[in-house]
PDB file of N, CA and C in Angstrom:
ATOM      1  N   MET A   1     133.792   6.049 -71.367  1.00  0.00           N
ATOM      2  CA  MET A   1     134.398   7.344 -71.142  1.00  0.00           C
ATOM      3  C   MET A   1     135.183   7.360 -69.833  1.00  0.00           C
ATOM      4  N   GLU A   2     134.647   6.713 -68.834  1.00  0.00           N
ATOM      5  CA  GLU A   2     135.337   6.684 -67.551  1.00  0.00           C
ATOM      6  C   GLU A   2     136.705   6.017 -67.674  1.00  0.00           C
ATOM      7  N   TYR A   3     136.823   5.051 -68.572  1.00  0.00           N
ATOM      8  CA  TYR A   3     138.099   4.381 -68.813  1.00  0.00           C
ATOM      9  C   TYR A   3     139.184   5.389 -69.190  1.00  0.00           C
ATOM     10  N   PHE A   4     138.791   6.449 -69.903  1.00  0.00           N
ATOM     11  CA  PHE A   4     139.724   7.479 -70.344  1.00  0.00           C
ATOM     12  C   PHE A   4     139.828   8.636 -69.356  1.00  0.00           C
ATOM     13  N   GLY A   5     139.145   8.532 -68.210  1.00  0.00           N
ATOM     14  CA  GLY A   5     139.193   9.600 -67.216  1.00  0.00           C
ATOM     15  C   GLY A   5     138.243  10.745 -67.500  1.00  0.00           C
ATOM     16  N   LEU A   6     137.245  10.502 -68.345  1.00  0.00           N
ATOM     17  CA  LEU A   6     136.275  11.533 -68.707  1.00  0.00           C
ATOM     18  C   LEU A   6     134.949  11.267 -68.009  1.00  0.00           C
ATOM     19  N   ALA A   7     134.292  12.320 -67.582  1.00  0.00           N
ATOM     20  CA  ALA A   7     132.994  12.187 -66.929  1.00  0.00           C
ATOM     21  C   ALA A   7     131.929  11.846 -67.970  1.00  0.00           C
ATOM     22  N   PRO A   8     131.137  10.808 -67.734  1.00  0.00           N
ATOM     23  CA  PRO A   8     130.085  10.426 -68.691  1.00  0.00           C
ATOM     24  C   PRO A   8     128.826  11.270 -68.494  1.00  0.00           C
ATOM     25  N   ILE A   9     128.883  12.514 -68.931  1.00  0.00           N
ATOM     26  CA  ILE A   9     127.764  13.432 -68.744  1.00  0.00           C
ATOM     27  C   ILE A   9     126.917  13.448 -70.016  1.00  0.00           C
ATOM     28  N   PRO A  10     125.653  13.024 -69.922  1.00  0.00           N
ATOM     29  CA  PRO A  10     124.784  12.992 -71.113  1.00  0.00           C
ATOM     30  C   PRO A  10     124.688  14.369 -71.782  1.00  0.00           C
ATOM     31  N   GLY A  11     124.800  14.356 -73.096  1.00  0.00           N
ATOM     32  CA  GLY A  11     124.655  15.581 -73.871  1.00  0.00           C
ATOM     33  C   GLY A  11     125.899  16.429 -73.990  1.00  0.00           C
ATOM     34  N   TYR A  12     126.995  16.044 -73.343  1.00  0.00           N
ATOM     35  CA  TYR A  12     128.212  16.853 -73.387  1.00  0.00           C
ATOM     36  C   TYR A  12     129.089  16.574 -74.603  1.00  0.00           C
ATOM     37  N   LEU A  13     128.872  15.463 -75.266  1.00  0.00           N
ATOM     38  CA  LEU A  13     129.644  15.149 -76.465  1.00  0.00           C
ATOM     39  C   LEU A  13     128.794  15.359 -77.705  1.00  0.00           C
ATOM     40  N   GLU A  14     129.431  15.863 -78.755  1.00  0.00           N
ATOM     41  CA  GLU A  14     128.775  16.055 -80.043  1.00  0.00           C
ATOM     42  C   GLU A  14     129.523  15.230 -81.082  1.00  0.00           C
ATOM     43  N   GLU A  15     128.780  14.571 -81.942  1.00  0.00           N
ATOM     44  CA  GLU A  15     129.420  13.809 -83.014  1.00  0.00           C
ATOM     45  C   GLU A  15     130.028  14.777 -84.018  1.00  0.00           C
ATOM     46  N   CYS A  16     131.184  14.414 -84.544  1.00  0.00           N
ATOM     47  CA  CYS A  16     131.826  15.244 -85.561  1.00  0.00           C
ATOM     48  C   CYS A  16     132.404  14.352 -86.651  1.00  0.00           C
ATOM     49  N   ASP A  17     132.831  14.968 -87.737  1.00  0.00           N
ATOM     50  CA  ASP A  17     133.393  14.203 -88.843  1.00  0.00           C
ATOM     51  C   ASP A  17     134.925  14.215 -88.772  1.00  0.00           C
ATOM     52  N   PHE A  18     135.533  13.510 -89.718  1.00  0.00           N
ATOM     53  CA  PHE A  18     136.990  13.385 -89.769  1.00  0.00           C
ATOM     54  C   PHE A  18     137.670  14.751 -89.791  1.00  0.00           C
ATOM     55  N   ASN A  19     137.226  15.639 -90.693  1.00  0.00           N
ATOM     56  CA  ASN A  19     137.878  16.939 -90.841  1.00  0.00           C
ATOM     57  C   ASN A  19     137.788  17.776 -89.576  1.00  0.00           C
ATOM     58  N   TYR A  20     136.635  17.733 -88.916  1.00  0.00           N
ATOM     59  CA  TYR A  20     136.499  18.505 -87.688  1.00  0.00           C
ATOM     60  C   TYR A  20     137.365  17.900 -86.584  1.00  0.00           C
ATOM     61  N   ALA A  21     137.477  16.581 -86.544  1.00  0.00           N
ATOM     62  CA  ALA A  21     138.352  15.934 -85.563  1.00  0.00           C
ATOM     63  C   ALA A  21     139.795  16.393 -85.750  1.00  0.00           C
ATOM     64  N   VAL A  22     140.233  16.502 -87.000  1.00  0.00           N
ATOM     65  CA  VAL A  22     141.581  17.012 -87.277  1.00  0.00           C
ATOM     66  C   VAL A  22     141.705  18.437 -86.744  1.00  0.00           C
ATOM     67  N   GLU A  23     140.689  19.260 -86.939  1.00  0.00           N
ATOM     68  CA  GLU A  23     140.700  20.642 -86.446  1.00  0.00           C
ATOM     69  C   GLU A  23     140.821  20.682 -84.920  1.00  0.00           C
ATOM     70  N   VAL A  24     140.081  19.829 -84.243  1.00  0.00           N
ATOM     71  CA  VAL A  24     140.141  19.786 -82.776  1.00  0.00           C
ATOM     72  C   VAL A  24     141.538  19.383 -82.314  1.00  0.00           C
ATOM     73  N   VAL A  25     142.074  18.322 -82.885  1.00  0.00           N
ATOM     74  CA  VAL A  25     143.397  17.850 -82.476  1.00  0.00           C
ATOM     75  C   VAL A  25     144.460  18.884 -82.831  1.00  0.00           C
ATOM     76  N   LYS A  26     144.340  19.531 -83.974  1.00  0.00           N
ATOM     77  CA  LYS A  26     145.276  20.610 -84.323  1.00  0.00           C
ATOM     78  C   LYS A  26     145.234  21.699 -83.268  1.00  0.00           C
ATOM     79  N   THR A  27     144.040  22.059 -82.840  1.00  0.00           N
ATOM     80  CA  THR A  27     143.868  23.117 -81.851  1.00  0.00           C
ATOM     81  C   THR A  27     144.595  22.789 -80.551  1.00  0.00           C
ATOM     82  N   ILE A  28     144.476  21.552 -80.091  1.00  0.00           N
ATOM     83  CA  ILE A  28     145.089  21.206 -78.805  1.00  0.00           C
ATOM     84  C   ILE A  28     146.590  20.933 -78.909  1.00  0.00           C
ATOM     85  N   LEU A  29     147.084  20.653 -80.104  1.00  0.00           N
ATOM     86  CA  LEU A  29     148.525  20.480 -80.293  1.00  0.00           C
ATOM     87  C   LEU A  29     149.236  21.808 -80.527  1.00  0.00           C
ATOM     88  N   TRP A  30     148.568  22.728 -81.191  1.00  0.00           N
ATOM     89  CA  TRP A  30     149.169  23.976 -81.650  1.00  0.00           C
ATOM     90  C   TRP A  30     149.498  24.931 -80.500  1.00  0.00           C
ATOM     91  N   LYS A  31     148.490  25.231 -79.673  1.00  0.00           N
ATOM     92  CA  LYS A  31     148.666  26.193 -78.578  1.00  0.00           C
ATOM     93  C   LYS A  31     147.990  25.665 -77.324  1.00  0.00           C
ATOM     94  N   ASP A  32     148.486  26.129 -76.163  1.00  0.00           N
ATOM     95  CA  ASP A  32     147.821  25.695 -74.940  1.00  0.00           C
ATOM     96  C   ASP A  32     146.434  26.339 -74.854  1.00  0.00           C
ATOM     97  N   LEU A  33     145.540  25.688 -74.134  1.00  0.00           N
ATOM     98  CA  LEU A  33     144.155  26.145 -74.075  1.00  0.00           C
ATOM     99  C   LEU A  33     143.977  27.363 -73.180  1.00  0.00           C
ATOM    100  N   ALA A  34     144.786  27.487 -72.149  1.00  0.00           N
ATOM    101  CA  ALA A  34     144.592  28.569 -71.185  1.00  0.00           C
ATOM    102  C   ALA A  34     145.048  29.923 -71.715  1.00  0.00           C
ATOM    103  N   TYR A  35     146.238  29.991 -72.267  1.00  0.00           N
ATOM    104  CA  TYR A  35     146.812  31.282 -72.647  1.00  0.00           C
ATOM    105  C   TYR A  35     147.119  31.428 -74.131  1.00  0.00           C
ATOM    106  N   GLY A  36     146.955  30.377 -74.887  1.00  0.00           N
ATOM    107  CA  GLY A  36     147.224  30.451 -76.314  1.00  0.00           C
ATOM    108  C   GLY A  36     148.701  30.506 -76.656  1.00  0.00           C
ATOM    109  N   VAL A  37     149.547  30.004 -75.772  1.00  0.00           N
ATOM    110  CA  VAL A  37     150.988  29.974 -76.032  1.00  0.00           C
ATOM    111  C   VAL A  37     151.268  28.881 -77.063  1.00  0.00           C
ATOM    112  N   GLU A  38     151.983  29.260 -78.124  1.00  0.00           N
ATOM    113  CA  GLU A  38     152.280  28.293 -79.178  1.00  0.00           C
ATOM    114  C   GLU A  38     153.197  27.191 -78.660  1.00  0.00           C
ATOM    115  N   LEU A  39     152.766  25.957 -78.864  1.00  0.00           N
ATOM    116  CA  LEU A  39     153.546  24.787 -78.464  1.00  0.00           C
ATOM    117  C   LEU A  39     154.348  24.231 -79.630  1.00  0.00           C
ATOM    118  N   VAL A  40     153.741  24.241 -80.814  1.00  0.00           N
ATOM    119  CA  VAL A  40     154.402  23.853 -82.058  1.00  0.00           C
ATOM    120  C   VAL A  40     153.870  24.761 -83.159  1.00  0.00           C
ATOM    121  N   LYS A  41     154.567  24.821 -84.268  1.00  0.00           N
ATOM    122  CA  LYS A  41     154.086  25.600 -85.410  1.00  0.00           C
ATOM    123  C   LYS A  41     152.749  25.036 -85.886  1.00  0.00           C
ATOM    124  N   GLU A  42     151.884  25.904 -86.388  1.00  0.00           N
ATOM    125  CA  GLU A  42     150.566  25.452 -86.837  1.00  0.00           C
ATOM    126  C   GLU A  42     150.680  24.376 -87.908  1.00  0.00           C
ATOM    127  N   SER A  43     151.614  24.515 -88.829  1.00  0.00           N
ATOM    128  CA  SER A  43     151.769  23.515 -89.894  1.00  0.00           C
ATOM    129  C   SER A  43     152.136  22.143 -89.323  1.00  0.00           C
ATOM    130  N   VAL A  44     152.943  22.119 -88.293  1.00  0.00           N
ATOM    131  CA  VAL A  44     153.318  20.864 -87.634  1.00  0.00           C
ATOM    132  C   VAL A  44     152.109  20.284 -86.909  1.00  0.00           C
ATOM    133  N   ALA A  45     151.338  21.136 -86.253  1.00  0.00           N
ATOM    134  CA  ALA A  45     150.135  20.683 -85.549  1.00  0.00           C
ATOM    135  C   ALA A  45     149.138  20.059 -86.522  1.00  0.00           C
ATOM    136  N   ILE A  46     148.961  20.669 -87.693  1.00  0.00           N
ATOM    137  CA  ILE A  46     148.036  20.129 -88.699  1.00  0.00           C
ATOM    138  C   ILE A  46     148.520  18.759 -89.183  1.00  0.00           C
ATOM    139  N   LYS A  47     149.804  18.661 -89.494  1.00  0.00           N
ATOM    140  CA  LYS A  47     150.370  17.392 -89.972  1.00  0.00           C
ATOM    141  C   LYS A  47     150.202  16.292 -88.925  1.00  0.00           C
ATOM    142  N   ASN A  48     150.544  16.594 -87.687  1.00  0.00           N
ATOM    143  CA  ASN A  48     150.446  15.594 -86.625  1.00  0.00           C
ATOM    144  C   ASN A  48     148.998  15.257 -86.291  1.00  0.00           C
ATOM    145  N   ALA A  49     148.122  16.247 -86.323  1.00  0.00           N
ATOM    146  CA  ALA A  49     146.701  16.003 -86.053  1.00  0.00           C
ATOM    147  C   ALA A  49     146.109  15.077 -87.108  1.00  0.00           C
ATOM    148  N   THR A  50     146.428  15.328 -88.360  1.00  0.00           N
ATOM    149  CA  THR A  50     145.927  14.479 -89.443  1.00  0.00           C
ATOM    150  C   THR A  50     146.413  13.047 -89.256  1.00  0.00           C
ATOM    151  N   TYR A  51     147.688  12.896 -88.949  1.00  0.00           N
ATOM    152  CA  TYR A  51     148.253  11.563 -88.727  1.00  0.00           C
ATOM    153  C   TYR A  51     147.542  10.853 -87.575  1.00  0.00           C
ATOM    154  N   LEU A  52     147.370  11.527 -86.453  1.00  0.00           N
ATOM    155  CA  LEU A  52     146.740  10.903 -85.287  1.00  0.00           C
ATOM    156  C   LEU A  52     145.303  10.481 -85.570  1.00  0.00           C
ATOM    157  N   VAL A  53     144.524  11.355 -86.178  1.00  0.00           N
ATOM    158  CA  VAL A  53     143.124  11.020 -86.463  1.00  0.00           C
ATOM    159  C   VAL A  53     143.052   9.851 -87.441  1.00  0.00           C
ATOM    160  N   GLU A  54     143.931   9.821 -88.428  1.00  0.00           N
ATOM    161  CA  GLU A  54     143.952   8.708 -89.388  1.00  0.00           C
ATOM    162  C   GLU A  54     144.197   7.361 -88.706  1.00  0.00           C
ATOM    163  N   GLN A  55     144.924   7.351 -87.602  1.00  0.00           N
ATOM    164  CA  GLN A  55     145.246   6.097 -86.915  1.00  0.00           C
ATOM    165  C   GLN A  55     144.018   5.418 -86.320  1.00  0.00           C
ATOM    166  N   PHE A  56     142.998   6.199 -85.969  1.00  0.00           N
ATOM    167  CA  PHE A  56     141.835   5.655 -85.268  1.00  0.00           C
ATOM    168  C   PHE A  56     140.551   5.671 -86.080  1.00  0.00           C
ATOM    169  N   PHE A  57     140.581   6.226 -87.274  1.00  0.00           N
ATOM    170  CA  PHE A  57     139.360   6.423 -88.050  1.00  0.00           C
ATOM    171  C   PHE A  57     139.220   5.396 -89.161  1.00  0.00           C
ATOM    172  N   ASP A  58     138.012   4.868 -89.302  1.00  0.00           N
ATOM    173  CA  ASP A  58     137.609   4.129 -90.496  1.00  0.00           C
ATOM    174  C   ASP A  58     136.131   4.426 -90.728  1.00  0.00           C
ATOM    175  N   GLU A  59     135.560   3.850 -91.765  1.00  0.00           N
ATOM    176  CA  GLU A  59     134.184   4.195 -92.144  1.00  0.00           C
ATOM    177  C   GLU A  59     133.149   3.810 -91.088  1.00  0.00           C
ATOM    178  N   ASN A  60     133.496   2.944 -90.154  1.00  0.00           N
ATOM    179  CA  ASN A  60     132.566   2.531 -89.103  1.00  0.00           C
ATOM    180  C   ASN A  60     132.794   3.246 -87.775  1.00  0.00           C
ATOM    181  N   THR A  61     133.733   4.157 -87.743  1.00  0.00           N
ATOM    182  CA  THR A  61     134.076   4.848 -86.502  1.00  0.00           C
ATOM    183  C   THR A  61     133.241   6.111 -86.331  1.00  0.00           C
ATOM    184  N   LYS A  62     132.719   6.287 -85.139  1.00  0.00           N
ATOM    185  CA  LYS A  62     132.038   7.530 -84.758  1.00  0.00           C
ATOM    186  C   LYS A  62     133.059   8.360 -83.988  1.00  0.00           C
ATOM    187  N   ILE A  63     133.043   9.660 -84.225  1.00  0.00           N
ATOM    188  CA  ILE A  63     133.968  10.560 -83.541  1.00  0.00           C
ATOM    189  C   ILE A  63     133.146  11.589 -82.774  1.00  0.00           C
ATOM    190  N   TYR A  64     133.587  11.874 -81.548  1.00  0.00           N
ATOM    191  CA  TYR A  64     132.881  12.830 -80.695  1.00  0.00           C
ATOM    192  C   TYR A  64     133.868  13.836 -80.119  1.00  0.00           C
ATOM    193  N   THR A  65     133.377  15.041 -79.862  1.00  0.00           N
ATOM    194  CA  THR A  65     134.162  16.067 -79.183  1.00  0.00           C
ATOM    195  C   THR A  65     133.264  16.777 -78.179  1.00  0.00           C
ATOM    196  N   ASN A  66     133.868  17.591 -77.340  1.00  0.00           N
ATOM    197  CA  ASN A  66     133.107  18.226 -76.271  1.00  0.00           C
ATOM    198  C   ASN A  66     132.840  19.711 -76.480  1.00  0.00           C
ATOM    199  N   GLY A  67     132.920  20.190 -77.696  1.00  0.00           N
ATOM    200  CA  GLY A  67     132.604  21.602 -77.892  1.00  0.00           C
ATOM    201  C   GLY A  67     132.926  22.115 -79.271  1.00  0.00           C
ATOM    202  N   ASN A  68     132.818  23.424 -79.391  1.00  0.00           N
ATOM    203  CA  ASN A  68     133.087  24.123 -80.639  1.00  0.00           C
ATOM    204  C   ASN A  68     134.523  24.628 -80.602  1.00  0.00           C
ATOM    205  N   TRP A  69     135.405  23.896 -81.261  1.00  0.00           N
ATOM    206  CA  TRP A  69     136.828  24.241 -81.224  1.00  0.00           C
ATOM    207  C   TRP A  69     137.300  24.947 -82.487  1.00  0.00           C
ATOM    208  N   ALA A  70     136.427  25.129 -83.461  1.00  0.00           N
ATOM    209  CA  ALA A  70     136.810  25.852 -84.679  1.00  0.00           C
ATOM    210  C   ALA A  70     137.173  27.286 -84.304  1.00  0.00           C
ATOM    211  N   ASN A  71     138.302  27.730 -84.740  1.00  0.00           N
ATOM    212  CA  ASN A  71     138.771  29.101 -84.510  1.00  0.00           C
ATOM    213  C   ASN A  71     139.026  29.434 -83.047  1.00  0.00           C
ATOM    214  N   TYR A  72     139.216  28.439 -82.205  1.00  0.00           N
ATOM    215  CA  TYR A  72     139.429  28.669 -80.770  1.00  0.00           C
ATOM    216  C   TYR A  72     140.581  29.636 -80.521  1.00  0.00           C
ATOM    217  N   HIS A  73     141.689  29.455 -81.236  1.00  0.00           N
ATOM    218  CA  HIS A  73     142.858  30.296 -80.996  1.00  0.00           C
ATOM    219  C   HIS A  73     142.883  31.560 -81.852  1.00  0.00           C
ATOM    220  N   THR A  74     141.957  31.702 -82.774  1.00  0.00           N
ATOM    221  CA  THR A  74     141.988  32.890 -83.630  1.00  0.00           C
ATOM    222  C   THR A  74     140.900  33.895 -83.285  1.00  0.00           C
ATOM    223  N   ILE A  75     139.701  33.436 -82.967  1.00  0.00           N
ATOM    224  CA  ILE A  75     138.646  34.390 -82.595  1.00  0.00           C
ATOM    225  C   ILE A  75     138.130  34.169 -81.180  1.00  0.00           C
ATOM    226  N   GLY A  76     138.756  33.246 -80.469  1.00  0.00           N
ATOM    227  CA  GLY A  76     138.416  33.053 -79.069  1.00  0.00           C
ATOM    228  C   GLY A  76     137.101  32.355 -78.804  1.00  0.00           C
ATOM    229  N   SER A  77     136.655  31.511 -79.714  1.00  0.00           N
ATOM    230  CA  SER A  77     135.439  30.735 -79.486  1.00  0.00           C
ATOM    231  C   SER A  77     135.674  29.810 -78.305  1.00  0.00           C
ATOM    232  N   ARG A  78     134.835  29.904 -77.291  1.00  0.00           N
ATOM    233  CA  ARG A  78     135.049  29.097 -76.098  1.00  0.00           C
ATOM    234  C   ARG A  78     133.772  28.403 -75.653  1.00  0.00           C
ATOM    235  N   SER A  79     133.147  27.729 -76.563  1.00  0.00           N
ATOM    236  CA  SER A  79     131.923  27.002 -76.259  1.00  0.00           C
ATOM    237  C   SER A  79     132.265  25.529 -76.105  1.00  0.00           C
ATOM    238  N   CYS A  80     132.350  25.068 -74.858  1.00  0.00           N
ATOM    239  CA  CYS A  80     132.698  23.670 -74.644  1.00  0.00           C
ATOM    240  C   CYS A  80     132.018  23.134 -73.393  1.00  0.00           C
ATOM    241  N   ASN A  81     132.008  21.833 -73.303  1.00  0.00           N
ATOM    242  CA  ASN A  81     131.454  21.126 -72.157  1.00  0.00           C
ATOM    243  C   ASN A  81     132.590  20.366 -71.482  1.00  0.00           C
ATOM    244  N   PRO A  82     133.064  20.821 -70.331  1.00  0.00           N
ATOM    245  CA  PRO A  82     134.187  20.149 -69.686  1.00  0.00           C
ATOM    246  C   PRO A  82     133.827  18.749 -69.203  1.00  0.00           C
ATOM    247  N   LEU A  83     134.744  17.829 -69.435  1.00  0.00           N
ATOM    248  CA  LEU A  83     134.538  16.440 -69.025  1.00  0.00           C
ATOM    249  C   LEU A  83     135.565  15.977 -67.995  1.00  0.00           C
ATOM    250  N   THR A  84     136.363  16.922 -67.491  1.00  0.00           N
ATOM    251  CA  THR A  84     137.328  16.633 -66.429  1.00  0.00           C
ATOM    252  C   THR A  84     137.212  17.738 -65.383  1.00  0.00           C
ATOM    253  N   ASN A  85     138.020  17.654 -64.343  1.00  0.00           N
ATOM    254  CA  ASN A  85     138.041  18.691 -63.310  1.00  0.00           C
ATOM    255  C   ASN A  85     138.992  19.830 -63.639  1.00  0.00           C
ATOM    256  N   ALA A  86     139.651  19.767 -64.775  1.00  0.00           N
ATOM    257  CA  ALA A  86     140.594  20.808 -65.176  1.00  0.00           C
ATOM    258  C   ALA A  86     139.848  22.077 -65.575  1.00  0.00           C
ATOM    259  N   THR A  87     140.557  23.201 -65.537  1.00  0.00           N
ATOM    260  CA  THR A  87     139.968  24.465 -65.976  1.00  0.00           C
ATOM    261  C   THR A  87     139.562  24.377 -67.441  1.00  0.00           C
ATOM    262  N   PHE A  88     140.407  23.774 -68.253  1.00  0.00           N
ATOM    263  CA  PHE A  88     140.138  23.588 -69.675  1.00  0.00           C
ATOM    264  C   PHE A  88     140.385  22.124 -70.029  1.00  0.00           C
ATOM    265  N   ASP A  89     139.542  21.563 -70.870  1.00  0.00           N
ATOM    266  CA  ASP A  89     139.834  20.253 -71.448  1.00  0.00           C
ATOM    267  C   ASP A  89     139.187  20.168 -72.816  1.00  0.00           C
ATOM    268  N   ALA A  90     139.848  19.438 -73.688  1.00  0.00           N
ATOM    269  CA  ALA A  90     139.364  19.314 -75.060  1.00  0.00           C
ATOM    270  C   ALA A  90     139.925  18.050 -75.676  1.00  0.00           C
ATOM    271  N   GLY A  91     139.214  17.539 -76.660  1.00  0.00           N
ATOM    272  CA  GLY A  91     139.720  16.383 -77.361  1.00  0.00           C
ATOM    273  C   GLY A  91     138.681  15.712 -78.216  1.00  0.00           C
ATOM    274  N   VAL A  92     139.050  14.543 -78.694  1.00  0.00           N
ATOM    275  CA  VAL A  92     138.151  13.731 -79.504  1.00  0.00           C
ATOM    276  C   VAL A  92     138.156  12.305 -78.972  1.00  0.00           C
ATOM    277  N   LEU A  93     137.012  11.679 -79.084  1.00  0.00           N
ATOM    278  CA  LEU A  93     136.813  10.301 -78.662  1.00  0.00           C
ATOM    279  C   LEU A  93     136.375   9.517 -79.885  1.00  0.00           C
ATOM    280  N   PHE A  94     137.061   8.410 -80.165  1.00  0.00           N
ATOM    281  CA  PHE A  94     136.758   7.558 -81.308  1.00  0.00           C
ATOM    282  C   PHE A  94     136.096   6.286 -80.798  1.00  0.00           C
ATOM    283  N   VAL A  95     134.973   5.920 -81.389  1.00  0.00           N
ATOM    284  CA  VAL A  95     134.287   4.691 -81.000  1.00  0.00           C
ATOM    285  C   VAL A  95     134.026   3.885 -82.266  1.00  0.00           C
ATOM    286  N   GLY A  96     134.727   2.762 -82.373  1.00  0.00           N
ATOM    287  CA  GLY A  96     134.559   1.871 -83.513  1.00  0.00           C
ATOM    288  C   GLY A  96     133.918   0.574 -83.085  1.00  0.00           C
ATOM    289  N   GLN A  97     133.741  -0.333 -84.034  1.00  0.00           N
ATOM    290  CA  GLN A  97     133.140  -1.625 -83.723  1.00  0.00           C
ATOM    291  C   GLN A  97     134.053  -2.485 -82.860  1.00  0.00           C
ATOM    292  N   LYS A  98     135.362  -2.330 -83.030  1.00  0.00           N
ATOM    293  CA  LYS A  98     136.305  -3.166 -82.289  1.00  0.00           C
ATOM    294  C   LYS A  98     137.274  -2.367 -81.424  1.00  0.00           C
ATOM    295  N   HIS A  99     137.137  -1.052 -81.408  1.00  0.00           N
ATOM    296  CA  HIS A  99     138.086  -0.257 -80.643  1.00  0.00           C
ATOM    297  C   HIS A  99     137.466   1.052 -80.167  1.00  0.00           C
ATOM    298  N   ALA A 100     138.106   1.626 -79.189  1.00  0.00           N
ATOM    299  CA  ALA A 100     137.804   2.987 -78.750  1.00  0.00           C
ATOM    300  C   ALA A 100     139.146   3.647 -78.473  1.00  0.00           C
ATOM    301  N   ALA A 101     139.241   4.921 -78.776  1.00  0.00           N
ATOM    302  CA  ALA A 101     140.478   5.656 -78.547  1.00  0.00           C
ATOM    303  C   ALA A 101     140.129   7.081 -78.149  1.00  0.00           C
ATOM    304  N   CYS A 102     141.074   7.719 -77.506  1.00  0.00           N
ATOM    305  CA  CYS A 102     140.834   9.056 -76.988  1.00  0.00           C
ATOM    306  C   CYS A 102     142.093   9.892 -77.153  1.00  0.00           C
ATOM    307  N   ILE A 103     141.937  11.088 -77.700  1.00  0.00           N
ATOM    308  CA  ILE A 103     143.010  12.077 -77.738  1.00  0.00           C
ATOM    309  C   ILE A 103     142.465  13.267 -76.964  1.00  0.00           C
ATOM    310  N   TRP A 104     142.993  13.512 -75.777  1.00  0.00           N
ATOM    311  CA  TRP A 104     142.410  14.519 -74.880  1.00  0.00           C
ATOM    312  C   TRP A 104     143.510  15.252 -74.135  1.00  0.00           C
ATOM    313  N   VAL A 105     143.307  16.527 -73.887  1.00  0.00           N
ATOM    314  CA  VAL A 105     144.242  17.304 -73.071  1.00  0.00           C
ATOM    315  C   VAL A 105     143.481  18.052 -71.991  1.00  0.00           C
ATOM    316  N   GLU A 106     144.199  18.329 -70.922  1.00  0.00           N
ATOM    317  CA  GLU A 106     143.701  19.181 -69.853  1.00  0.00           C
ATOM    318  C   GLU A 106     144.690  20.326 -69.696  1.00  0.00           C
ATOM    319  N   ASP A 107     144.193  21.497 -69.308  1.00  0.00           N
ATOM    320  CA  ASP A 107     145.059  22.642 -69.067  1.00  0.00           C
ATOM    321  C   ASP A 107     144.497  23.404 -67.877  1.00  0.00           C
ATOM    322  N   GLU A 108     145.367  24.038 -67.130  1.00  0.00           N
ATOM    323  CA  GLU A 108     144.960  24.814 -65.961  1.00  0.00           C
ATOM    324  C   GLU A 108     145.318  26.273 -66.160  1.00  0.00           C
ATOM    325  N   ASP A 109     144.511  27.113 -65.597  1.00  0.00           N
ATOM    326  CA  ASP A 109     144.717  28.555 -65.649  1.00  0.00           C
ATOM    327  C   ASP A 109     145.612  28.977 -64.502  1.00  0.00           C
TER     328      ASP A 109
END
């Protein structure tokens, strides 16, 4: 985790599945975390999120995220465990047998 600039805090990451990883990446591509300003159309965010997650996922890959990002921009769910010094941070970490990858963003208020 330190390789990616994330604090290795025990218990701060939760394992998730492929579909939830797509949801997390869509969330961070679609709107900024601090104010919810749209960065790209939601449909574009979904397409790009699916593509990105597919690049790092196979049946042996474990995926982790740092919080509950479902509905973050629609109902304001803000349950997360920060892994950087930023006001907001979110993403997914992929750990496979031969690779590790990280899709992560930081945002400031």
